[in-house]
C-alpha atoms as a PDB file:
ATOM      1  CA  MET A   1       0.728 -16.458  12.365  1.00  0.00           C
ATOM      2  CA  PRO A   2       0.302 -13.542  14.902  1.00  0.00           C
ATOM      3  CA  GLU A   3       2.641 -12.352  17.169  1.00  0.00           C
ATOM      4  CA  SER A   4       2.547 -12.026  21.041  1.00  0.00           C
ATOM      5  CA  SER A   5       1.229  -8.619  20.049  1.00  0.00           C
ATOM      6  CA  GLY A   6      -1.735  -9.925  18.599  1.00  0.00           C
ATOM      7  CA  LEU A   7      -0.551  -8.319  15.099  1.00  0.00           C
ATOM      8  CA  PRO A   8       0.007 -10.272  12.261  1.00  0.00           C
ATOM      9  CA  GLU A   9       3.767 -11.954  11.494  1.00  0.00           C
ATOM     10  CA  LEU A  10       5.517 -10.155   8.484  1.00  0.00           C
ATOM     11  CA  PRO A  11       7.068 -12.571   6.407  1.00  0.00           C
ATOM     12  CA  ARG A  12       9.911 -13.665   5.797  1.00  0.00           C
ATOM     13  CA  THR A  13      10.759 -15.133   2.643  1.00  0.00           C
ATOM     14  CA  PRO A  14      13.991 -14.102   0.886  1.00  0.00           C
ATOM     15  CA  ALA A  15      11.923 -11.927  -1.348  1.00  0.00           C
ATOM     16  CA  ALA A  16       9.779 -10.791   1.597  1.00  0.00           C
ATOM     17  CA  THR A  17      13.325  -9.830   3.200  1.00  0.00           C
ATOM     18  CA  ALA A  18      14.468  -8.178   0.134  1.00  0.00           C
ATOM     19  CA  ALA A  19      11.231  -6.090  -0.221  1.00  0.00           C
ATOM     20  CA  LEU A  20      11.531  -5.084   3.274  1.00  0.00           C
ATOM     21  CA  SER A  21      15.077  -3.770   2.361  1.00  0.00           C
ATOM     22  CA  VAL A  22      14.076  -1.999  -0.910  1.00  0.00           C
ATOM     23  CA  ALA A  23      11.342  -0.385   1.184  1.00  0.00           C
ATOM     24  CA  THR A  24      13.336   0.704   4.007  1.00  0.00           C
ATOM     25  CA  ARG A  25      16.158   2.579   1.811  1.00  0.00           C
ATOM     26  CA  TYR A  26      13.560   4.092  -0.470  1.00  0.00           C
ATOM     27  CA  CYS A  27      11.040   5.131   1.309  1.00  0.00           C
ATOM     28  CA  SER A  28      10.534   7.617   4.096  1.00  0.00           C
ATOM     29  CA  PRO A  29      10.058   6.243   7.791  1.00  0.00           C
ATOM     30  CA  GLY A  30       6.149   7.668   7.851  1.00  0.00           C
ATOM     31  CA  LEU A  31       5.952   5.966   3.886  1.00  0.00           C
ATOM     32  CA  LEU A  32       7.228   2.626   5.028  1.00  0.00           C
ATOM     33  CA  ASN A  33       5.445   2.471   7.868  1.00  0.00           C
ATOM     34  CA  HIS A  34       2.416   2.976   5.572  1.00  0.00           C
ATOM     35  CA  SER A  35       3.335   0.205   3.343  1.00  0.00           C
ATOM     36  CA  ILE A  36       3.620  -2.053   6.321  1.00  0.00           C
ATOM     37  CA  ARG A  37       0.003  -0.943   8.058  1.00  0.00           C
ATOM     38  CA  SER A  38      -1.217  -1.899   4.526  1.00  0.00           C
ATOM     39  CA  TYR A  39       0.063  -5.495   4.555  1.00  0.00           C
ATOM     40  CA  VAL A  40      -0.912  -5.398   8.758  1.00  0.00           C
ATOM     41  CA  TRP A  41      -4.422  -4.040   7.611  1.00  0.00           C
ATOM     42  CA  GLY A  42      -5.140  -6.185   5.085  1.00  0.00           C
ATOM     43  CA  VAL A  43      -4.457  -9.452   6.875  1.00  0.00           C
ATOM     44  CA  THR A  44      -6.572  -8.126   9.554  1.00  0.00           C
ATOM     45  CA  TYR A  45      -9.600  -7.790   7.028  1.00  0.00           C
ATOM     46  CA  ALA A  46      -8.710 -10.600   5.368  1.00  0.00           C
ATOM     47  CA  GLY A  47      -9.024 -12.812   8.411  1.00  0.00           C
ATOM     48  CA  ALA A  48     -12.148 -11.204   9.327  1.00  0.00           C
ATOM     49  CA  HIS A  49     -13.924 -12.109   6.340  1.00  0.00           C
ATOM     50  CA  GLY A  50     -12.258 -15.688   5.417  1.00  0.00           C
ATOM     51  CA  ILE A  51     -10.735 -14.395   2.535  1.00  0.00           C
ATOM     52  CA  ALA A  52      -7.700 -16.702   1.243  1.00  0.00           C
ATOM     53  CA  PHE A  53      -4.575 -14.870   0.149  1.00  0.00           C
ATOM     54  CA  ASP A  54      -0.650 -15.193  -1.262  1.00  0.00           C
ATOM     55  CA  ASP A  55       0.679 -13.889   1.578  1.00  0.00           C
ATOM     56  CA  GLU A  56       4.044 -13.313   0.336  1.00  0.00           C
ATOM     57  CA  LEU A  57       2.760 -11.683  -2.826  1.00  0.00           C
ATOM     58  CA  TYR A  58       0.259  -9.641  -1.150  1.00  0.00           C
ATOM     59  CA  TYR A  59       3.230  -8.396   1.421  1.00  0.00           C
ATOM     60  CA  VAL A  60       5.600  -7.755  -1.213  1.00  0.00           C
ATOM     61  CA  SER A  61       2.763  -5.465  -3.443  1.00  0.00           C
ATOM     62  CA  ALA A  62       2.177  -3.512  -0.068  1.00  0.00           C
ATOM     63  CA  LEU A  63       5.709  -2.406   0.534  1.00  0.00           C
ATOM     64  CA  LEU A  64       6.322  -1.478  -3.171  1.00  0.00           C
ATOM     65  CA  HIS A  65       2.840  -0.320  -3.635  1.00  0.00           C
ATOM     66  CA  ASP A  66       3.814   3.725  -3.422  1.00  0.00           C
ATOM     67  CA  THR A  67       7.301   3.274  -4.521  1.00  0.00           C
ATOM     68  CA  GLY A  68       6.494   5.648  -7.616  1.00  0.00           C
ATOM     69  CA  LEU A  69       6.231   8.030  -5.402  1.00  0.00           C
ATOM     70  CA  THR A  70       9.533   8.181  -4.365  1.00  0.00           C
ATOM     71  CA  GLU A  71      12.425  10.596  -5.890  1.00  0.00           C
ATOM     72  CA  PRO A  72      14.183   7.949  -7.277  1.00  0.00           C
ATOM     73  CA  PHE A  73      11.472   6.263  -9.354  1.00  0.00           C
ATOM     74  CA  ASP A  74       9.082   8.627  -9.805  1.00  0.00           C
ATOM     75  CA  SER A  75       7.930   9.006 -13.743  1.00  0.00           C
ATOM     76  CA  HIS A  76       8.015  12.632 -15.440  1.00  0.00           C
ATOM     77  CA  SER A  77       5.111  10.955 -17.499  1.00  0.00           C
ATOM     78  CA  LEU A  78       3.582   7.705 -15.613  1.00  0.00           C
ATOM     79  CA  PRO A  79       0.973   7.576 -12.761  1.00  0.00           C
ATOM     80  CA  PHE A  80       2.868   6.588  -9.830  1.00  0.00           C
ATOM     81  CA  GLU A  81       1.274   3.267  -9.313  1.00  0.00           C
ATOM     82  CA  GLU A  82       2.151   2.445 -13.044  1.00  0.00           C
ATOM     83  CA  ALA A  83       5.923   3.294 -12.170  1.00  0.00           C
ATOM     84  CA  GLY A  84       5.643   1.434  -8.962  1.00  0.00           C
ATOM     85  CA  GLY A  85       4.444  -1.599 -10.616  1.00  0.00           C
ATOM     86  CA  HIS A  86       7.145  -1.448 -13.083  1.00  0.00           C
ATOM     87  CA  LEU A  87       9.580  -1.526 -10.178  1.00  0.00           C
ATOM     88  CA  ALA A  88       7.607  -4.403  -8.706  1.00  0.00           C
ATOM     89  CA  TRP A  89       7.747  -6.569 -11.394  1.00  0.00           C
ATOM     90  CA  VAL A  90      11.381  -5.773 -12.185  1.00  0.00           C
ATOM     91  CA  PHE A  91      11.998  -6.875  -8.508  1.00  0.00           C
ATOM     92  CA  GLY A  92      10.456  -9.955  -8.416  1.00  0.00           C
ATOM     93  CA  VAL A  93      12.266 -11.227 -11.544  1.00  0.00           C
ATOM     94  CA  ALA A  94      15.462 -10.538  -9.908  1.00  0.00           C
ATOM     95  CA  THR A  95      14.394 -12.366  -6.602  1.00  0.00           C
ATOM     96  CA  GLY A  96      13.940 -15.315  -8.752  1.00  0.00           C
ATOM     97  CA  TRP A  97      10.435 -15.253  -9.515  1.00  0.00           C
ATOM     98  CA  PRO A  98       8.718 -16.458 -12.562  1.00  0.00           C
ATOM     99  CA  GLU A  99       6.949 -14.025 -14.758  1.00  0.00           C
ATOM    100  CA  ALA A 100       3.753 -14.217 -14.528  1.00  0.00           C
ATOM    101  CA  ARG A 101       4.166 -13.846 -10.339  1.00  0.00           C
ATOM    102  CA  ALA A 102       6.120 -10.761 -10.893  1.00  0.00           C
ATOM    103  CA  ALA A 103       3.654  -9.694 -13.128  1.00  0.00           C
ATOM    104  CA  ARG A 104       0.797 -10.455 -10.549  1.00  0.00           C
ATOM    105  CA  ALA A 105       2.542  -8.218  -8.444  1.00  0.00           C
ATOM    106  CA  GLU A 106       2.516  -5.073 -10.791  1.00  0.00           C
ATOM    107  CA  HIS A 107      -1.259  -5.875 -11.154  1.00  0.00           C
ATOM    108  CA  ILE A 108      -1.816  -5.198  -7.605  1.00  0.00           C
ATOM    109  CA  ILE A 109      -0.217  -2.220  -7.380  1.00  0.00           C
ATOM    110  CA  VAL A 110      -1.503  -0.627 -10.581  1.00  0.00           C
ATOM    111  CA  THR A 111      -5.113  -1.796  -9.202  1.00  0.00           C
ATOM    112  CA  HIS A 112      -4.898  -0.239  -6.172  1.00  0.00           C
ATOM    113  CA  MET A 113      -5.554   2.862  -7.550  1.00  0.00           C
ATOM    114  CA  ARG A 114      -8.088   2.081  -9.744  1.00  0.00           C
ATOM    115  CA  ALA A 115     -11.802   1.035  -9.579  1.00  0.00           C
ATOM    116  CA  ASP A 116     -12.921  -1.440  -6.466  1.00  0.00           C
ATOM    117  CA  VAL A 117     -11.967  -4.845  -7.571  1.00  0.00           C
ATOM    118  CA  SER A 118     -13.897  -8.152  -6.036  1.00  0.00           C
ATOM    119  CA  ALA A 119     -12.056 -10.441  -3.366  1.00  0.00           C
ATOM    120  CA  ALA A 120     -13.575 -13.145  -5.639  1.00  0.00           C
ATOM    121  CA  GLU A 121     -11.690 -11.428  -8.541  1.00  0.00           C
ATOM    122  CA  ASP A 122      -8.558 -10.934  -7.035  1.00  0.00           C
ATOM    123  CA  ALA A 123      -8.204 -11.088  -3.837  1.00  0.00           C
ATOM    124  CA  GLU A 124      -4.871  -9.462  -3.225  1.00  0.00           C
ATOM    125  CA  SER A 125      -5.717  -6.591  -5.039  1.00  0.00           C
ATOM    126  CA  HIS A 126      -9.116  -6.162  -2.954  1.00  0.00           C
ATOM    127  CA  LEU A 127      -7.182  -6.007   0.568  1.00  0.00           C
ATOM    128  CA  LEU A 128      -4.698  -3.457  -1.099  1.00  0.00           C
ATOM    129  CA  GLN A 129      -7.668  -1.225  -2.096  1.00  0.00           C
ATOM    130  CA  VAL A 130      -9.110  -1.891   1.375  1.00  0.00           C
ATOM    131  CA  ALA A 131      -6.191  -1.371   3.150  1.00  0.00           C
ATOM    132  CA  MET A 132      -4.994   1.363   1.733  1.00  0.00           C
ATOM    133  CA  SER A 133      -8.740   3.763   1.342  1.00  0.00           C
ATOM    134  CA  TRP A 134      -8.310   2.955   5.699  1.00  0.00           C
ATOM    135  CA  ASP A 135      -4.841   4.014   5.863  1.00  0.00           C
ATOM    136  CA  VAL A 136      -4.646   6.860   3.599  1.00  0.00           C
ATOM    137  CA  ALA A 137      -8.499   8.161   3.996  1.00  0.00           C
ATOM    138  CA  GLY A 138     -10.169   6.996   6.815  1.00  0.00           C
ATOM    139  CA  ARG A 139     -12.068   4.619   4.287  1.00  0.00           C
ATOM    140  CA  ARG A 140     -14.640   1.353   6.436  1.00  0.00           C
ATOM    141  CA  PRO A 141     -13.471   2.220  10.346  1.00  0.00           C
ATOM    142  CA  GLU A 142     -15.756  -0.036  11.497  1.00  0.00           C
ATOM    143  CA  GLU A 143     -13.301  -2.788   9.678  1.00  0.00           C
ATOM    144  CA  PHE A 144     -10.134  -1.282  11.406  1.00  0.00           C
ATOM    145  CA  HIS A 145     -11.207   0.297  14.556  1.00  0.00           C
ATOM    146  CA  GLU A 146     -10.547  -2.383  17.608  1.00  0.00           C
ATOM    147  CA  ASN A 147      -6.773  -3.348  16.654  1.00  0.00           C
ATOM    148  CA  SER A 148      -6.052   0.171  15.339  1.00  0.00           C
ATOM    149  CA  TRP A 149      -3.968   1.636  18.176  1.00  0.00           C
ATOM    150  CA  SER A 150      -1.930  -1.567  18.815  1.00  0.00           C
ATOM    151  CA  VAL A 151      -1.057  -1.107  15.318  1.00  0.00           C
ATOM    152  CA  LEU A 152       0.076   2.598  15.598  1.00  0.00           C
ATOM    153  CA  ASP A 153       2.246   2.047  18.348  1.00  0.00           C
ATOM    154  CA  ARG A 154       4.206  -0.598  16.535  1.00  0.00           C
ATOM    155  CA  TYR A 155       4.123   1.676  13.105  1.00  0.00           C
ATOM    156  CA  PRO A 156       3.128   5.218  14.195  1.00  0.00           C
ATOM    157  CA  ARG A 157       1.694   7.620  11.384  1.00  0.00           C
ATOM    158  CA  LEU A 158       4.630  10.245  12.031  1.00  0.00           C
ATOM    159  CA  ASP A 159       4.207  12.668   9.471  1.00  0.00           C
ATOM    160  CA  PHE A 160       2.595  10.058   7.049  1.00  0.00           C
ATOM    161  CA  ALA A 161      -0.918  12.163   6.208  1.00  0.00           C
ATOM    162  CA  THR A 162       1.392  15.307   5.204  1.00  0.00           C
ATOM    163  CA  GLU A 163       3.558  14.302   3.221  1.00  0.00           C
ATOM    164  CA  PHE A 164       1.412  11.696   0.927  1.00  0.00           C
ATOM    165  CA  LEU A 165      -0.848  14.668   0.730  1.00  0.00           C
ATOM    166  CA  ALA A 166       2.132  16.661  -0.516  1.00  0.00           C
ATOM    167  CA  TRP A 167       2.957  13.431  -2.704  1.00  0.00           C
ATOM    168  CA  PHE A 168      -0.236  13.875  -4.295  1.00  0.00           C
ATOM    169  CA  GLU A 169      -0.763  17.106  -4.988  1.00  0.00           C
ATOM    170  CA  ASP A 170       2.869  17.040  -7.043  1.00  0.00           C
ATOM    171  CA  GLN A 171       1.406  13.886  -8.551  1.00  0.00           C
ATOM    172  CA  ALA A 172      -1.874  15.605  -9.713  1.00  0.00           C
ATOM    173  CA  GLU A 173      -0.126  18.968 -10.770  1.00  0.00           C
ATOM    174  CA  ARG A 174       2.158  17.424 -13.104  1.00  0.00           C
ATOM    175  CA  LYS A 175      -0.104  14.479 -14.048  1.00  0.00           C
ATOM    176  CA  PRO A 176      -3.140  15.683 -14.413  1.00  0.00           C
ATOM    177  CA  SER A 177      -5.342  12.727 -16.160  1.00  0.00           C
ATOM    178  CA  SER A 178      -4.468   9.954 -13.252  1.00  0.00           C
ATOM    179  CA  ALA A 179      -6.188   8.560 -10.481  1.00  0.00           C
ATOM    180  CA  ALA A 180      -4.407  10.751  -8.189  1.00  0.00           C
ATOM    181  CA  ALA A 181      -5.024  14.151 -10.032  1.00  0.00           C
ATOM    182  CA  ARG A 182      -9.339  12.626  -9.686  1.00  0.00           C
ATOM    183  CA  SER A 183      -8.586  11.554  -6.246  1.00  0.00           C
ATOM    184  CA  ILE A 184      -7.599  15.328  -5.366  1.00  0.00           C
ATOM    185  CA  GLU A 185     -10.751  17.312  -7.355  1.00  0.00           C
ATOM    186  CA  SER A 186     -12.717  14.918  -5.578  1.00  0.00           C
ATOM    187  CA  GLY A 187     -12.097  15.637  -1.832  1.00  0.00           C
ATOM    188  CA  GLY A 188      -8.909  13.941  -1.361  1.00  0.00           C
ATOM    189  CA  ARG A 189      -7.385  16.741   0.626  1.00  0.00           C
ATOM    190  CA  LEU A 190      -9.900  16.798   3.197  1.00  0.00           C
ATOM    191  CA  ARG A 191     -10.140  12.767   3.493  1.00  0.00           C
ATOM    192  CA  ILE A 192      -6.632  12.531   3.657  1.00  0.00           C
ATOM    193  CA  SER A 193      -6.015  15.697   6.031  1.00  0.00           C
ATOM    194  CA  ALA A 194      -9.181  14.620   8.209  1.00  0.00           C
ATOM    195  CA  HIS A 195      -8.178  11.025   8.817  1.00  0.00           C
ATOM    196  CA  PRO A 196      -9.711  10.064  12.322  1.00  0.00           C
ATOM    197  CA  LEU A 197      -6.274   8.664  13.610  1.00  0.00           C
ATOM    198  CA  ASP A 198      -4.349  11.763  13.095  1.00  0.00           C
ATOM    199  CA  VAL A 199      -7.052  13.840  14.834  1.00  0.00           C
END
């Protein structure tokens, strides 16, 4: 259901509330806002394209998808999305989800840095890929232009681009076979730095 601002209302289930607490504690303000925006962009995109999805599952996955970049959960060897996926599985089981549902959150988070997944194949993974690629790299601007400024008024970018680029470059240097390294090698630095919402 949209709020009076026209933005989707954030889920308020026990798992959703707990995920917001975790993300608020461990993410910087810029990374937290990115995670929430990734949920909002995804819901917006789903509505425009008639994509049915699990709202709670998508929200929890969006909030936790970059926790593997944070110092407490950064793995010395695993790519950040795999580390974040493991955290999501532990989180889901701890909040009372069946293991299969927790595994879905893990899969969505790992998949967000992989090859594109169609909405028909996996709606939540598709939404996170689309939303994240817009918020990080400015892809598909035609999908999000209309409500961009109302989203940014509520969840500003702050110093997200600078922080995120530093994290990605660090991941690329320490984990040269990772998806983050491939992203940097294929022009990710320029895409992040030249995001249309930051220039």
